[in-house]
C-alpha atoms as a PDB file:
ATOM      1  CA  MET A   1       0.025  -0.273   0.149  1.00  0.00           C
ATOM      2  CA  ASN A   2       1.524   3.321  -0.946  1.00  0.00           C
ATOM      3  CA  PHE A   3       0.721   6.655   1.168  1.00  0.00           C
ATOM      4  CA  ASN A   4       1.189  10.316  -0.208  1.00  0.00           C
ATOM      5  CA  PHE A   5       1.527  12.258   2.697  1.00  0.00           C
ATOM      6  CA  GLU A   6       3.115  15.231   0.336  1.00  0.00           C
ATOM      7  CA  GLN A   7      -0.404  17.791   1.341  1.00  0.00           C
ATOM      8  CA  VAL A   8       0.092  17.186   5.014  1.00  0.00           C
ATOM      9  CA  HIS A   9       2.323  20.777   6.353  1.00  0.00           C
ATOM     10  CA  ASN A  10       2.124  22.701   9.276  1.00  0.00           C
ATOM     11  CA  TYR A  11      -0.365  25.814   8.582  1.00  0.00           C
ATOM     12  CA  TYR A  12       2.311  28.509   9.617  1.00  0.00           C
ATOM     13  CA  GLU A  13       5.064  27.540   7.605  1.00  0.00           C
ATOM     14  CA  ARG A  14       2.890  29.320   4.652  1.00  0.00           C
ATOM     15  CA  LEU A  15       1.785  32.747   7.116  1.00  0.00           C
ATOM     16  CA  VAL A  16       5.607  32.915   8.047  1.00  0.00           C
ATOM     17  CA  PHE A  17       7.807  31.962   5.769  1.00  0.00           C
ATOM     18  CA  GLU A  18       5.500  34.770   2.978  1.00  0.00           C
ATOM     19  CA  GLU A  19       5.358  37.153   6.294  1.00  0.00           C
ATOM     20  CA  VAL A  20       8.980  37.097   6.807  1.00  0.00           C
ATOM     21  CA  VAL A  21       9.911  37.836   3.275  1.00  0.00           C
ATOM     22  CA  ARG A  22       7.627  41.110   2.582  1.00  0.00           C
ATOM     23  CA  ARG A  23       9.048  42.135   5.769  1.00  0.00           C
ATOM     24  CA  ALA A  24      12.132  41.181   4.506  1.00  0.00           C
ATOM     25  CA  GLN A  25      12.722  44.859   2.811  1.00  0.00           C
ATOM     26  CA  VAL A  26      12.268  46.618   6.040  1.00  0.00           C
ATOM     27  CA  HIS A  27      15.496  44.920   7.506  1.00  0.00           C
ATOM     28  CA  PRO A  28      17.585  44.975   4.748  1.00  0.00           C
ATOM     29  CA  ASN A  29      20.791  44.132   6.913  1.00  0.00           C
ATOM     30  CA  PHE A  30      19.103  40.595   7.639  1.00  0.00           C
ATOM     31  CA  THR A  31      20.923  38.082   5.766  1.00  0.00           C
ATOM     32  CA  ASN A  32      19.509  34.635   4.251  1.00  0.00           C
ATOM     33  CA  ASP A  33      20.126  32.890   6.900  1.00  0.00           C
ATOM     34  CA  MET A  34      19.517  35.263   9.315  1.00  0.00           C
ATOM     35  CA  LEU A  35      15.812  35.292   7.922  1.00  0.00           C
ATOM     36  CA  ALA A  36      15.019  31.427   8.193  1.00  0.00           C
ATOM     37  CA  ASP A  37      16.375  31.787  11.620  1.00  0.00           C
ATOM     38  CA  VAL A  38      13.847  34.516  12.548  1.00  0.00           C
ATOM     39  CA  SER A  39      11.120  31.356  10.460  1.00  0.00           C
ATOM     40  CA  CYS A  40      12.643  28.906  12.525  1.00  0.00           C
ATOM     41  CA  VAL A  41      12.207  31.166  16.098  1.00  0.00           C
ATOM     42  CA  ALA A  42       8.770  32.627  14.692  1.00  0.00           C
ATOM     43  CA  LEU A  43       7.651  29.059  13.807  1.00  0.00           C
ATOM     44  CA  ASN A  44       9.129  27.495  16.805  1.00  0.00           C
ATOM     45  CA  ARG A  45       6.663  30.470  19.021  1.00  0.00           C
ATOM     46  CA  LEU A  46       3.616  28.575  17.630  1.00  0.00           C
ATOM     47  CA  PRO A  47       1.373  26.304  17.396  1.00  0.00           C
ATOM     48  CA  ALA A  48       1.783  22.969  15.193  1.00  0.00           C
ATOM     49  CA  ARG A  49      -1.392  23.039  13.040  1.00  0.00           C
ATOM     50  CA  TYR A  50      -1.097  20.279  10.524  1.00  0.00           C
ATOM     51  CA  VAL A  51      -3.185  20.022   7.294  1.00  0.00           C
ATOM     52  CA  ARG A  52      -3.672  19.105   4.131  1.00  0.00           C
ATOM     53  CA  HIS A  53      -5.479  21.762   2.832  1.00  0.00           C
ATOM     54  CA  ASP A  54      -4.738  25.647   4.120  1.00  0.00           C
ATOM     55  CA  VAL A  55      -8.430  26.418   2.664  1.00  0.00           C
ATOM     56  CA  ASP A  56     -10.188  24.022   4.275  1.00  0.00           C
ATOM     57  CA  MET A  57      -8.870  25.089   7.646  1.00  0.00           C
ATOM     58  CA  MET A  58      -9.754  28.504   6.773  1.00  0.00           C
ATOM     59  CA  PHE A  59     -13.210  27.289   6.330  1.00  0.00           C
ATOM     60  CA  TYR A  60     -13.828  26.337  10.224  1.00  0.00           C
ATOM     61  CA  LEU A  61     -12.375  28.635  11.629  1.00  0.00           C
ATOM     62  CA  THR A  62     -14.487  31.330  13.165  1.00  0.00           C
ATOM     63  CA  GLU A  63     -13.681  35.181  12.513  1.00  0.00           C
ATOM     64  CA  HIS A  64     -12.420  34.767  16.667  1.00  0.00           C
ATOM     65  CA  GLU A  65     -10.096  32.506  16.192  1.00  0.00           C
ATOM     66  CA  ARG A  66      -8.713  34.052  12.922  1.00  0.00           C
ATOM     67  CA  GLN A  67      -7.806  36.920  14.740  1.00  0.00           C
ATOM     68  CA  ALA A  68      -6.263  35.554  17.135  1.00  0.00           C
ATOM     69  CA  ILE A  69      -4.190  33.848  14.577  1.00  0.00           C
ATOM     70  CA  GLU A  70      -3.210  37.082  12.943  1.00  0.00           C
ATOM     71  CA  LEU A  71      -2.277  38.122  15.915  1.00  0.00           C
ATOM     72  CA  SER A  72      -0.183  35.311  17.400  1.00  0.00           C
ATOM     73  CA  LEU A  73       1.857  34.803  14.535  1.00  0.00           C
ATOM     74  CA  GLU A  74       2.708  39.194  14.326  1.00  0.00           C
ATOM     75  CA  GLU A  75       4.048  38.529  18.325  1.00  0.00           C
ATOM     76  CA  ALA A  76       5.694  35.687  16.846  1.00  0.00           C
ATOM     77  CA  LEU A  77       7.384  37.663  13.755  1.00  0.00           C
ATOM     78  CA  GLN A  78       7.848  40.680  16.664  1.00  0.00           C
ATOM     79  CA  PHE A  79       9.756  38.488  19.010  1.00  0.00           C
ATOM     80  CA  ALA A  80      11.669  36.340  15.856  1.00  0.00           C
ATOM     81  CA  PHE A  81      13.569  39.530  14.791  1.00  0.00           C
ATOM     82  CA  GLY A  82      14.572  41.388  17.210  1.00  0.00           C
ATOM     83  CA  PHE A  83      15.622  37.921  18.414  1.00  0.00           C
ATOM     84  CA  VAL A  84      17.683  37.170  15.300  1.00  0.00           C
ATOM     85  CA  GLN A  85      18.483  40.896  15.429  1.00  0.00           C
ATOM     86  CA  SER A  86      19.704  41.379  18.917  1.00  0.00           C
ATOM     87  CA  ARG A  87      21.848  37.978  18.295  1.00  0.00           C
ATOM     88  CA  ALA A  88      23.649  39.047  15.627  1.00  0.00           C
ATOM     89  CA  ALA A  89      24.873  42.351  16.889  1.00  0.00           C
ATOM     90  CA  LYS A  90      26.224  40.372  19.682  1.00  0.00           C
ATOM     91  CA  THR A  91      28.184  37.944  17.024  1.00  0.00           C
ATOM     92  CA  PRO A  92      31.850  39.619  16.525  1.00  0.00           C
ATOM     93  CA  LEU A  93      32.555  39.899  13.025  1.00  0.00           C
END
């Protein structure tokens, strides 16, 4: 029997990656490695929400749940950018 799990993913991954790319313009001093670190830090602060299709999850969320996701995403990203930036400032050149 063959199993195909390629569709299964963490719902937050795409959201975080897209936001990190968008916010990279505001942080031109961040290297690609630093942006990858920001993504990891942010994702580790968010709960794992595994889905097969993003649209399925969005369909079943209430407005309150959508707002909570947006707020937690914003908080995780703000923390992650600050965390990575503070660590980079401590690293000698």
